[in-house]
Amino acid sequence: MHDRYATLRQLQSLDPKADHERIHRISSDREFPWDYGRGLEVAIWRTCCVPSISGVLDGSGEFALRAQKRYDDTRILLGELVRGGYDSERGRQALRQINQAHRRFSIANEDMLYVLSTFIYEPIRWIDRWAWRKTSETERLAAFYFYVEVGRRMNIRDLPTDFDEFERFNREYEQRYFRHEPSNQRVGGHIMKLYSSWYPRPVGAVVAATLPCRLDEEARRALGMPRPPRWAEALNALGLRGHARAERLAPALMARLMTRPTARTYPGYPHGYRISDIGPRHVTLPAAEAPPAVRAESLRD
């Protein structure tokens, strides 16, 4: 029988700081490919609970006009960083695209820190709750060191040097800035529609009903979502626990059954595309549809 914990033992033999790129690549791509993707989806969704962030996303028109492309671009660029390393040729190209996409907006450093923190902690929280095993300390620290290095290359300031310190920042930031605004609800609705569009009818309608279960009450309130019905919560838990059990017992079969296209916008992916083509097209909504322009700092008052 396949030793399901062999990779974990391999990872625990490595140094989470010195070997963080290798550990994070194996953990996210081999151990938890499906669950890690769902954690990133929650991370993207939670950033929309902050008006200064949702205002930028809402005003850009990216989620309103091409939500699938916006999602695909994020997954592709993060994937390039994880697979090749942030200092590889393709990794540096991906970082240039990320930095270029952010450069045209006035985004507070604190907001950038928060978004970066969600990429560390939301996948970990998802995996620890719903995956076939919990993350190890080695994997958690490796994710922290990986994204801190990415943040440094994005010129994000005041990067924490400690895993627990950054997690405290993540929690305290959400307590301060999660609040409902129309821009949260608009962008959150576009994301809900995107996530449920990946499933054929009538499955898509059931998925749409269970998707809010992936968010806590504070996030749903900030996004203007009601609490899901009890049957949806029960179905969500049943499905995710069933997936975890199957993932533990038959990982190869589940990989074949559950693998989804990484980038629906790019049919030839992972071949036949240039990293320089990945990213926003620098469009905005027509004036009649766009919300008033808001600088990130103005919402701190």
C-alpha atoms as a PDB file:
ATOM      1  CA  MET A   1       0.000   0.000   0.000  1.00  0.00           C
ATOM      2  CA  HIS A   2       1.227   3.497  -0.813  1.00  0.00           C
ATOM      3  CA  ASP A   3       2.818   5.237   2.185  1.00  0.00           C
ATOM      4  CA  ARG A   4       0.692   8.357   2.384  1.00  0.00           C
ATOM      5  CA  TYR A   5       3.011  10.052   4.870  1.00  0.00           C
ATOM      6  CA  ALA A   6       6.325   9.509   3.079  1.00  0.00           C
ATOM      7  CA  THR A   7       6.328  13.001   1.590  1.00  0.00           C
ATOM      8  CA  LEU A   8       5.570  14.526   4.980  1.00  0.00           C
ATOM      9  CA  ARG A   9       8.600  12.792   6.480  1.00  0.00           C
ATOM     10  CA  GLN A  10      10.702  14.041   3.565  1.00  0.00           C
ATOM     11  CA  LEU A  11       9.546  17.618   4.154  1.00  0.00           C
ATOM     12  CA  GLN A  12      10.170  17.415   7.878  1.00  0.00           C
ATOM     13  CA  SER A  13      13.793  16.453   7.187  1.00  0.00           C
ATOM     14  CA  LEU A  14      14.338  19.805   5.426  1.00  0.00           C
ATOM     15  CA  ASP A  15      15.034  23.235   6.887  1.00  0.00           C
ATOM     16  CA  PRO A  16      11.860  25.388   6.605  1.00  0.00           C
ATOM     17  CA  LYS A  17      13.891  28.568   6.157  1.00  0.00           C
ATOM     18  CA  ALA A  18      16.758  27.436   3.938  1.00  0.00           C
ATOM     19  CA  ASP A  19      14.579  25.057   1.876  1.00  0.00           C
ATOM     20  CA  HIS A  20      11.327  27.026   1.915  1.00  0.00           C
ATOM     21  CA  GLU A  21      10.912  27.158  -1.882  1.00  0.00           C
ATOM     22  CA  ARG A  22      11.252  23.384  -2.257  1.00  0.00           C
ATOM     23  CA  ILE A  23       9.025  22.631   0.730  1.00  0.00           C
ATOM     24  CA  HIS A  24       6.276  25.004  -0.376  1.00  0.00           C
ATOM     25  CA  ARG A  25       6.360  23.683  -3.942  1.00  0.00           C
ATOM     26  CA  ILE A  26       5.989  20.062  -2.810  1.00  0.00           C
ATOM     27  CA  SER A  27       3.348  20.876  -0.199  1.00  0.00           C
ATOM     28  CA  SER A  28       1.137  22.975  -2.472  1.00  0.00           C
ATOM     29  CA  ASP A  29       1.616  21.037  -5.739  1.00  0.00           C
ATOM     30  CA  ARG A  30       1.951  17.430  -4.551  1.00  0.00           C
ATOM     31  CA  GLU A  31       0.440  17.054  -1.112  1.00  0.00           C
ATOM     32  CA  PHE A  32      -2.544  19.444  -1.292  1.00  0.00           C
ATOM     33  CA  PRO A  33      -3.088  20.584  -4.892  1.00  0.00           C
ATOM     34  CA  TRP A  34      -6.892  20.679  -4.676  1.00  0.00           C
ATOM     35  CA  ASP A  35      -7.149  21.982  -1.128  1.00  0.00           C
ATOM     36  CA  TYR A  36      -4.441  24.581  -1.664  1.00  0.00           C
ATOM     37  CA  GLY A  37      -6.401  25.939  -4.625  1.00  0.00           C
ATOM     38  CA  ARG A  38      -9.556  26.213  -2.544  1.00  0.00           C
ATOM     39  CA  GLY A  39      -7.615  28.032   0.168  1.00  0.00           C
ATOM     40  CA  LEU A  40      -6.366  30.569  -2.362  1.00  0.00           C
ATOM     41  CA  GLU A  41      -9.928  31.087  -3.559  1.00  0.00           C
ATOM     42  CA  VAL A  42     -10.990  31.932  -0.005  1.00  0.00           C
ATOM     43  CA  ALA A  43      -7.980  34.279   0.249  1.00  0.00           C
ATOM     44  CA  ILE A  44      -9.064  36.177  -2.872  1.00  0.00           C
ATOM     45  CA  TRP A  45     -12.630  36.372  -1.591  1.00  0.00           C
ATOM     46  CA  ARG A  46     -11.628  37.666   1.846  1.00  0.00           C
ATOM     47  CA  THR A  47      -9.625  40.546   0.405  1.00  0.00           C
ATOM     48  CA  CYS A  48     -12.919  41.856  -0.993  1.00  0.00           C
ATOM     49  CA  CYS A  49     -14.189  42.336   2.574  1.00  0.00           C
ATOM     50  CA  VAL A  50     -11.977  45.443   2.879  1.00  0.00           C
ATOM     51  CA  PRO A  51     -13.496  48.541   1.234  1.00  0.00           C
ATOM     52  CA  SER A  52     -10.125  50.056   0.287  1.00  0.00           C
ATOM     53  CA  ILE A  53      -9.247  46.847  -1.582  1.00  0.00           C
ATOM     54  CA  SER A  54     -12.660  46.108  -3.072  1.00  0.00           C
ATOM     55  CA  GLY A  55     -12.837  49.731  -4.216  1.00  0.00           C
ATOM     56  CA  VAL A  56      -9.701  49.276  -6.309  1.00  0.00           C
ATOM     57  CA  LEU A  57     -10.967  45.985  -7.761  1.00  0.00           C
ATOM     58  CA  ASP A  58     -14.418  47.419  -8.408  1.00  0.00           C
ATOM     59  CA  GLY A  59     -13.089  50.533 -10.093  1.00  0.00           C
ATOM     60  CA  SER A  60     -10.686  48.608 -12.343  1.00  0.00           C
ATOM     61  CA  GLY A  61     -13.566  46.656 -13.886  1.00  0.00           C
ATOM     62  CA  GLU A  62     -11.484  43.476 -13.984  1.00  0.00           C
ATOM     63  CA  PHE A  63     -13.887  41.286 -12.004  1.00  0.00           C
ATOM     64  CA  ALA A  64     -16.980  42.811 -13.598  1.00  0.00           C
ATOM     65  CA  LEU A  65     -15.757  42.369 -17.176  1.00  0.00           C
ATOM     66  CA  ARG A  66     -13.381  39.395 -17.093  1.00  0.00           C
ATOM     67  CA  ALA A  67     -13.456  37.645 -13.736  1.00  0.00           C
ATOM     68  CA  GLN A  68     -12.169  34.364 -15.154  1.00  0.00           C
ATOM     69  CA  LYS A  69      -9.132  36.054 -16.687  1.00  0.00           C
ATOM     70  CA  ARG A  70      -8.401  37.950 -13.472  1.00  0.00           C
ATOM     71  CA  TYR A  71      -8.525  34.673 -11.536  1.00  0.00           C
ATOM     72  CA  ASP A  72      -6.436  32.829 -14.136  1.00  0.00           C
ATOM     73  CA  ASP A  73      -3.798  35.556 -14.169  1.00  0.00           C
ATOM     74  CA  THR A  74      -3.428  35.332 -10.394  1.00  0.00           C
ATOM     75  CA  ARG A  75      -3.135  31.549 -10.400  1.00  0.00           C
ATOM     76  CA  ILE A  76      -0.663  31.508 -13.306  1.00  0.00           C
ATOM     77  CA  LEU A  77       1.643  34.144 -11.847  1.00  0.00           C
ATOM     78  CA  LEU A  78       1.621  32.566  -8.389  1.00  0.00           C
ATOM     79  CA  GLY A  79       2.187  29.186 -10.019  1.00  0.00           C
ATOM     80  CA  GLU A  80       5.233  30.489 -11.855  1.00  0.00           C
ATOM     81  CA  LEU A  81       6.690  31.747  -8.571  1.00  0.00           C
ATOM     82  CA  VAL A  82       6.037  28.463  -6.773  1.00  0.00           C
ATOM     83  CA  ARG A  83       7.190  26.075  -9.493  1.00  0.00           C
ATOM     84  CA  GLY A  84      10.246  27.917 -10.774  1.00  0.00           C
ATOM     85  CA  GLY A  85      11.197  29.973  -7.730  1.00  0.00           C
ATOM     86  CA  TYR A  86      10.949  33.721  -7.326  1.00  0.00           C
ATOM     87  CA  ASP A  87      14.551  34.291  -8.486  1.00  0.00           C
ATOM     88  CA  SER A  88      14.321  32.096 -11.595  1.00  0.00           C
ATOM     89  CA  GLU A  89      14.039  33.805 -14.981  1.00  0.00           C
ATOM     90  CA  ARG A  90      10.322  33.015 -15.207  1.00  0.00           C
ATOM     91  CA  GLY A  91       9.829  33.897 -11.552  1.00  0.00           C
ATOM     92  CA  ARG A  92      11.348  37.341 -12.071  1.00  0.00           C
ATOM     93  CA  GLN A  93       9.147  37.812 -15.138  1.00  0.00           C
ATOM     94  CA  ALA A  94       6.076  36.891 -13.094  1.00  0.00           C
ATOM     95  CA  LEU A  95       7.060  39.373 -10.387  1.00  0.00           C
ATOM     96  CA  ARG A  96       7.445  42.098 -12.991  1.00  0.00           C
ATOM     97  CA  GLN A  97       3.912  41.428 -14.193  1.00  0.00           C
ATOM     98  CA  ILE A  98       2.559  41.482 -10.645  1.00  0.00           C
ATOM     99  CA  ASN A  99       4.329  44.724  -9.829  1.00  0.00           C
ATOM    100  CA  GLN A 100       3.207  46.327 -13.074  1.00  0.00           C
ATOM    101  CA  ALA A 101      -0.424  45.428 -12.361  1.00  0.00           C
ATOM    102  CA  HIS A 102      -0.236  47.092  -8.934  1.00  0.00           C
ATOM    103  CA  ARG A 103       1.786  50.123  -9.980  1.00  0.00           C
ATOM    104  CA  ARG A 104      -1.117  51.964 -11.588  1.00  0.00           C
ATOM    105  CA  PHE A 105      -3.097  52.061  -8.330  1.00  0.00           C
ATOM    106  CA  SER A 106      -2.585  53.948  -5.084  1.00  0.00           C
ATOM    107  CA  ILE A 107      -2.572  51.043  -2.635  1.00  0.00           C
ATOM    108  CA  ALA A 108      -1.668  51.425   1.031  1.00  0.00           C
ATOM    109  CA  ASN A 109       1.282  49.334   2.177  1.00  0.00           C
ATOM    110  CA  GLU A 110      -0.889  47.900   4.958  1.00  0.00           C
ATOM    111  CA  ASP A 111      -3.374  46.625   2.368  1.00  0.00           C
ATOM    112  CA  MET A 112      -0.555  44.988   0.398  1.00  0.00           C
ATOM    113  CA  LEU A 113       0.669  43.325   3.588  1.00  0.00           C
ATOM    114  CA  TYR A 114      -2.813  41.994   4.285  1.00  0.00           C
ATOM    115  CA  VAL A 115      -3.281  40.533   0.801  1.00  0.00           C
ATOM    116  CA  LEU A 116       0.128  38.865   1.086  1.00  0.00           C
ATOM    117  CA  SER A 117      -0.819  37.421   4.480  1.00  0.00           C
ATOM    118  CA  THR A 118      -3.980  35.830   3.084  1.00  0.00           C
ATOM    119  CA  PHE A 119      -1.872  33.818   0.636  1.00  0.00           C
ATOM    120  CA  ILE A 120      -0.042  32.338   3.615  1.00  0.00           C
ATOM    121  CA  TYR A 121      -2.765  31.786   6.170  1.00  0.00           C
ATOM    122  CA  GLU A 122      -5.971  31.038   4.240  1.00  0.00           C
ATOM    123  CA  PRO A 123      -4.595  27.918   2.480  1.00  0.00           C
ATOM    124  CA  ILE A 124      -3.145  26.749   5.818  1.00  0.00           C
ATOM    125  CA  ARG A 125      -6.474  27.288   7.590  1.00  0.00           C
ATOM    126  CA  TRP A 126      -8.375  25.522   4.830  1.00  0.00           C
ATOM    127  CA  ILE A 127      -6.010  22.544   4.820  1.00  0.00           C
ATOM    128  CA  ASP A 128      -6.013  22.244   8.611  1.00  0.00           C
ATOM    129  CA  ARG A 129      -9.806  22.173   8.616  1.00  0.00           C
ATOM    130  CA  TRP A 130     -10.730  20.271   5.482  1.00  0.00           C
ATOM    131  CA  ALA A 131      -7.782  18.374   3.964  1.00  0.00           C
ATOM    132  CA  TRP A 132      -6.735  14.740   4.510  1.00  0.00           C
ATOM    133  CA  ARG A 133      -4.128  15.805   7.077  1.00  0.00           C
ATOM    134  CA  LYS A 134      -3.156  19.023   8.798  1.00  0.00           C
ATOM    135  CA  THR A 135      -0.142  21.064   7.762  1.00  0.00           C
ATOM    136  CA  SER A 136       3.118  20.486   9.603  1.00  0.00           C
ATOM    137  CA  GLU A 137       5.086  23.254  11.274  1.00  0.00           C
ATOM    138  CA  THR A 138       7.694  22.833   8.532  1.00  0.00           C
ATOM    139  CA  GLU A 139       5.083  23.510   5.833  1.00  0.00           C
ATOM    140  CA  ARG A 140       3.598  26.474   7.667  1.00  0.00           C
ATOM    141  CA  LEU A 141       6.967  28.123   8.201  1.00  0.00           C
ATOM    142  CA  ALA A 142       8.030  27.421   4.609  1.00  0.00           C
ATOM    143  CA  ALA A 143       4.895  29.163   3.292  1.00  0.00           C
ATOM    144  CA  PHE A 144       5.663  32.133   5.548  1.00  0.00           C
ATOM    145  CA  TYR A 145       9.281  32.438   4.414  1.00  0.00           C
ATOM    146  CA  PHE A 146       8.281  31.976   0.771  1.00  0.00           C
ATOM    147  CA  TYR A 147       5.729  34.776   0.703  1.00  0.00           C
ATOM    148  CA  VAL A 148       7.837  37.131   2.801  1.00  0.00           C
ATOM    149  CA  GLU A 149      10.516  36.831   0.119  1.00  0.00           C
ATOM    150  CA  VAL A 150       7.896  37.437  -2.574  1.00  0.00           C
ATOM    151  CA  GLY A 151       6.701  40.489  -0.629  1.00  0.00           C
ATOM    152  CA  ARG A 152      10.237  41.811  -0.403  1.00  0.00           C
ATOM    153  CA  ARG A 153      10.539  41.584  -4.190  1.00  0.00           C
ATOM    154  CA  MET A 154       7.259  43.464  -4.486  1.00  0.00           C
ATOM    155  CA  ASN A 155       8.720  46.284  -2.392  1.00  0.00           C
ATOM    156  CA  ILE A 156       6.211  45.747   0.420  1.00  0.00           C
ATOM    157  CA  ARG A 157       7.491  47.428   3.569  1.00  0.00           C
ATOM    158  CA  ASP A 158       7.405  46.376   7.236  1.00  0.00           C
ATOM    159  CA  LEU A 159       7.377  42.654   6.481  1.00  0.00           C
ATOM    160  CA  PRO A 160       7.155  40.629   9.712  1.00  0.00           C
ATOM    161  CA  THR A 161      10.004  38.295  10.597  1.00  0.00           C
ATOM    162  CA  ASP A 162       7.893  35.856  12.610  1.00  0.00           C
ATOM    163  CA  PHE A 163       5.048  33.533  11.552  1.00  0.00           C
ATOM    164  CA  ASP A 164       2.891  34.250  14.614  1.00  0.00           C
ATOM    165  CA  GLU A 165       3.506  37.989  14.337  1.00  0.00           C
ATOM    166  CA  PHE A 166       2.234  38.044  10.760  1.00  0.00           C
ATOM    167  CA  GLU A 167      -0.796  35.982  11.693  1.00  0.00           C
ATOM    168  CA  ARG A 168      -1.623  38.432  14.485  1.00  0.00           C
ATOM    169  CA  PHE A 169      -1.395  41.249  11.962  1.00  0.00           C
ATOM    170  CA  ASN A 170      -3.762  39.319   9.672  1.00  0.00           C
ATOM    171  CA  ARG A 171      -6.371  38.870  12.436  1.00  0.00           C
ATOM    172  CA  GLU A 172      -6.100  42.415  13.795  1.00  0.00           C
ATOM    173  CA  TYR A 173      -6.303  43.946  10.314  1.00  0.00           C
ATOM    174  CA  GLU A 174      -9.540  42.067   9.644  1.00  0.00           C
ATOM    175  CA  GLN A 175     -11.011  43.215  12.954  1.00  0.00           C
ATOM    176  CA  ARG A 176     -10.223  46.835  12.064  1.00  0.00           C
ATOM    177  CA  TYR A 177     -11.172  46.979   8.411  1.00  0.00           C
ATOM    178  CA  PHE A 178     -13.767  44.321   7.583  1.00  0.00           C
ATOM    179  CA  ARG A 179     -17.004  46.234   7.081  1.00  0.00           C
ATOM    180  CA  HIS A 180     -19.781  46.208   4.539  1.00  0.00           C
ATOM    181  CA  GLU A 181     -19.635  48.533   1.549  1.00  0.00           C
ATOM    182  CA  PRO A 182     -21.392  48.292  -1.848  1.00  0.00           C
ATOM    183  CA  SER A 183     -18.051  47.693  -3.590  1.00  0.00           C
ATOM    184  CA  ASN A 184     -17.470  44.627  -1.380  1.00  0.00           C
ATOM    185  CA  GLN A 185     -20.824  43.219  -2.370  1.00  0.00           C
ATOM    186  CA  ARG A 186     -20.335  43.888  -6.078  1.00  0.00           C
ATOM    187  CA  VAL A 187     -16.883  42.323  -6.324  1.00  0.00           C
ATOM    188  CA  GLY A 188     -17.832  39.494  -3.957  1.00  0.00           C
ATOM    189  CA  GLY A 189     -20.852  38.762  -6.146  1.00  0.00           C
ATOM    190  CA  HIS A 190     -18.686  38.579  -9.263  1.00  0.00           C
ATOM    191  CA  ILE A 191     -16.418  36.090  -7.477  1.00  0.00           C
ATOM    192  CA  MET A 192     -19.403  34.006  -6.340  1.00  0.00           C
ATOM    193  CA  LYS A 193     -20.688  33.871  -9.904  1.00  0.00           C
ATOM    194  CA  LEU A 194     -17.223  32.899 -11.170  1.00  0.00           C
ATOM    195  CA  TYR A 195     -16.692  30.078  -8.680  1.00  0.00           C
ATOM    196  CA  SER A 196     -20.122  28.561  -9.308  1.00  0.00           C
ATOM    197  CA  SER A 197     -19.740  28.869 -13.105  1.00  0.00           C
ATOM    198  CA  TRP A 198     -17.153  26.077 -13.102  1.00  0.00           C
ATOM    199  CA  TYR A 199     -19.858  23.455 -12.545  1.00  0.00           C
ATOM    200  CA  PRO A 200     -22.606  22.333 -14.952  1.00  0.00           C
ATOM    201  CA  ARG A 201     -26.266  22.717 -14.103  1.00  0.00           C
ATOM    202  CA  PRO A 202     -27.841  21.710 -11.795  1.00  0.00           C
ATOM    203  CA  VAL A 203     -24.633  21.117  -9.825  1.00  0.00           C
ATOM    204  CA  GLY A 204     -23.683  24.777 -10.181  1.00  0.00           C
ATOM    205  CA  ALA A 205     -26.805  25.890  -8.300  1.00  0.00           C
ATOM    206  CA  VAL A 206     -25.998  23.548  -5.403  1.00  0.00           C
ATOM    207  CA  VAL A 207     -22.384  24.718  -5.344  1.00  0.00           C
ATOM    208  CA  ALA A 208     -23.530  28.359  -5.317  1.00  0.00           C
ATOM    209  CA  ALA A 209     -25.651  27.604  -2.249  1.00  0.00           C
ATOM    210  CA  THR A 210     -22.731  26.003  -0.388  1.00  0.00           C
ATOM    211  CA  LEU A 211     -19.968  28.448  -1.382  1.00  0.00           C
ATOM    212  CA  PRO A 212     -20.795  31.010   1.354  1.00  0.00           C
ATOM    213  CA  CYS A 213     -20.171  28.234   3.898  1.00  0.00           C
ATOM    214  CA  ARG A 214     -16.479  28.631   3.130  1.00  0.00           C
ATOM    215  CA  LEU A 215     -16.526  32.085   4.726  1.00  0.00           C
ATOM    216  CA  ASP A 216     -16.972  32.965   8.385  1.00  0.00           C
ATOM    217  CA  GLU A 217     -19.739  35.210   9.658  1.00  0.00           C
ATOM    218  CA  GLU A 218     -17.548  38.339   9.670  1.00  0.00           C
ATOM    219  CA  ALA A 219     -16.610  37.893   6.014  1.00  0.00           C
ATOM    220  CA  ARG A 220     -20.193  37.184   4.950  1.00  0.00           C
ATOM    221  CA  ARG A 221     -21.382  40.269   6.776  1.00  0.00           C
ATOM    222  CA  ALA A 222     -18.762  42.434   5.063  1.00  0.00           C
ATOM    223  CA  LEU A 223     -19.822  41.009   1.685  1.00  0.00           C
ATOM    224  CA  GLY A 224     -23.534  41.459   2.383  1.00  0.00           C
ATOM    225  CA  MET A 225     -24.251  37.726   2.338  1.00  0.00           C
ATOM    226  CA  PRO A 226     -26.892  36.079   4.511  1.00  0.00           C
ATOM    227  CA  ARG A 227     -26.025  33.002   6.533  1.00  0.00           C
ATOM    228  CA  PRO A 228     -26.395  29.875   4.381  1.00  0.00           C
ATOM    229  CA  PRO A 229     -29.283  27.538   5.212  1.00  0.00           C
ATOM    230  CA  ARG A 230     -28.491  24.629   7.505  1.00  0.00           C
ATOM    231  CA  TRP A 231     -28.856  22.092   4.722  1.00  0.00           C
ATOM    232  CA  ALA A 232     -26.149  23.908   2.734  1.00  0.00           C
ATOM    233  CA  GLU A 233     -23.797  23.928   5.726  1.00  0.00           C
ATOM    234  CA  ALA A 234     -24.380  20.215   6.279  1.00  0.00           C
ATOM    235  CA  LEU A 235     -23.875  19.406   2.593  1.00  0.00           C
ATOM    236  CA  ASN A 236     -20.702  21.504   2.454  1.00  0.00           C
ATOM    237  CA  ALA A 237     -19.192  19.718   5.472  1.00  0.00           C
ATOM    238  CA  LEU A 238     -20.243  16.293   4.187  1.00  0.00           C
ATOM    239  CA  GLY A 239     -18.733  16.886   0.762  1.00  0.00           C
ATOM    240  CA  LEU A 240     -15.428  18.284   2.036  1.00  0.00           C
ATOM    241  CA  ARG A 241     -14.961  15.566   4.656  1.00  0.00           C
ATOM    242  CA  GLY A 242     -15.756  12.944   2.046  1.00  0.00           C
ATOM    243  CA  HIS A 243     -13.187  14.486  -0.271  1.00  0.00           C
ATOM    244  CA  ALA A 244     -10.554  14.416   2.484  1.00  0.00           C
ATOM    245  CA  ARG A 245     -11.202  10.740   3.194  1.00  0.00           C
ATOM    246  CA  ALA A 246     -10.973   9.836  -0.486  1.00  0.00           C
ATOM    247  CA  GLU A 247      -7.829  11.965  -0.884  1.00  0.00           C
ATOM    248  CA  ARG A 248      -6.133  10.084   1.939  1.00  0.00           C
ATOM    249  CA  LEU A 249      -7.033   6.655   0.594  1.00  0.00           C
ATOM    250  CA  ALA A 250      -6.746   7.152  -3.181  1.00  0.00           C
ATOM    251  CA  PRO A 251      -4.647  10.236  -4.004  1.00  0.00           C
ATOM    252  CA  ALA A 252      -3.850   9.239  -7.603  1.00  0.00           C
ATOM    253  CA  LEU A 253      -7.514   8.590  -8.432  1.00  0.00           C
ATOM    254  CA  MET A 254      -8.619  11.832  -6.796  1.00  0.00           C
ATOM    255  CA  ALA A 255      -5.959  13.765  -8.713  1.00  0.00           C
ATOM    256  CA  ARG A 256      -7.455  12.481 -11.980  1.00  0.00           C
ATOM    257  CA  LEU A 257     -11.032  13.137 -10.919  1.00  0.00           C
ATOM    258  CA  MET A 258     -10.603  16.528  -9.271  1.00  0.00           C
ATOM    259  CA  THR A 259      -7.985  18.244 -11.418  1.00  0.00           C
ATOM    260  CA  ARG A 260      -9.495  21.288 -13.101  1.00  0.00           C
ATOM    261  CA  PRO A 261      -8.040  23.543 -15.776  1.00  0.00           C
ATOM    262  CA  THR A 262      -5.619  25.972 -14.139  1.00  0.00           C
ATOM    263  CA  ALA A 263      -6.344  28.651 -16.711  1.00  0.00           C
ATOM    264  CA  ARG A 264      -9.575  28.516 -18.693  1.00  0.00           C
ATOM    265  CA  THR A 265      -8.719  31.824 -20.367  1.00  0.00           C
ATOM    266  CA  TYR A 266      -5.613  30.294 -21.948  1.00  0.00           C
ATOM    267  CA  PRO A 267      -6.647  27.056 -23.709  1.00  0.00           C
ATOM    268  CA  GLY A 268      -3.044  26.029 -24.428  1.00  0.00           C
ATOM    269  CA  TYR A 269      -1.876  26.451 -20.844  1.00  0.00           C
ATOM    270  CA  PRO A 270       0.707  25.474 -19.629  1.00  0.00           C
ATOM    271  CA  HIS A 271       2.177  25.755 -23.138  1.00  0.00           C
ATOM    272  CA  GLY A 272       2.020  28.428 -25.795  1.00  0.00           C
ATOM    273  CA  TYR A 273       1.790  31.570 -23.693  1.00  0.00           C
ATOM    274  CA  ARG A 274       4.163  34.331 -22.671  1.00  0.00           C
ATOM    275  CA  ILE A 275       4.357  35.562 -19.101  1.00  0.00           C
ATOM    276  CA  SER A 276       4.485  39.114 -20.447  1.00  0.00           C
ATOM    277  CA  ASP A 277       0.913  38.609 -21.730  1.00  0.00           C
ATOM    278  CA  ILE A 278      -0.430  37.663 -18.291  1.00  0.00           C
ATOM    279  CA  GLY A 279      -2.127  40.424 -16.355  1.00  0.00           C
ATOM    280  CA  PRO A 280      -4.792  43.126 -16.576  1.00  0.00           C
ATOM    281  CA  ARG A 281      -5.527  44.827 -19.868  1.00  0.00           C
ATOM    282  CA  HIS A 282      -5.611  48.176 -18.065  1.00  0.00           C
ATOM    283  CA  VAL A 283      -9.271  48.861 -18.689  1.00  0.00           C
ATOM    284  CA  THR A 284     -11.822  50.591 -16.507  1.00  0.00           C
ATOM    285  CA  LEU A 285     -15.577  50.496 -16.396  1.00  0.00           C
ATOM    286  CA  PRO A 286     -17.486  53.104 -18.392  1.00  0.00           C
ATOM    287  CA  ALA A 287     -18.037  56.275 -16.391  1.00  0.00           C
ATOM    288  CA  ALA A 288     -21.714  55.485 -15.887  1.00  0.00           C
ATOM    289  CA  GLU A 289     -20.848  52.115 -14.286  1.00  0.00           C
ATOM    290  CA  ALA A 290     -17.699  52.935 -12.381  1.00  0.00           C
ATOM    291  CA  PRO A 291     -17.833  53.901  -8.699  1.00  0.00           C
ATOM    292  CA  PRO A 292     -16.153  57.099  -7.537  1.00  0.00           C
ATOM    293  CA  ALA A 293     -12.365  56.833  -7.501  1.00  0.00           C
ATOM    294  CA  VAL A 294     -11.068  56.183  -4.011  1.00  0.00           C
ATOM    295  CA  ARG A 295      -7.504  56.241  -2.792  1.00  0.00           C
ATOM    296  CA  ALA A 296      -6.730  53.402  -0.398  1.00  0.00           C
ATOM    297  CA  GLU A 297      -5.501  55.805   2.292  1.00  0.00           C
ATOM    298  CA  SER A 298      -8.743  57.831   2.265  1.00  0.00           C
ATOM    299  CA  LEU A 299     -10.680  54.930   3.777  1.00  0.00           C
ATOM    300  CA  ARG A 300      -8.481  54.922   6.865  1.00  0.00           C
ATOM    301  CA  ASP A 301     -10.161  58.052   8.264  1.00  0.00           C
END
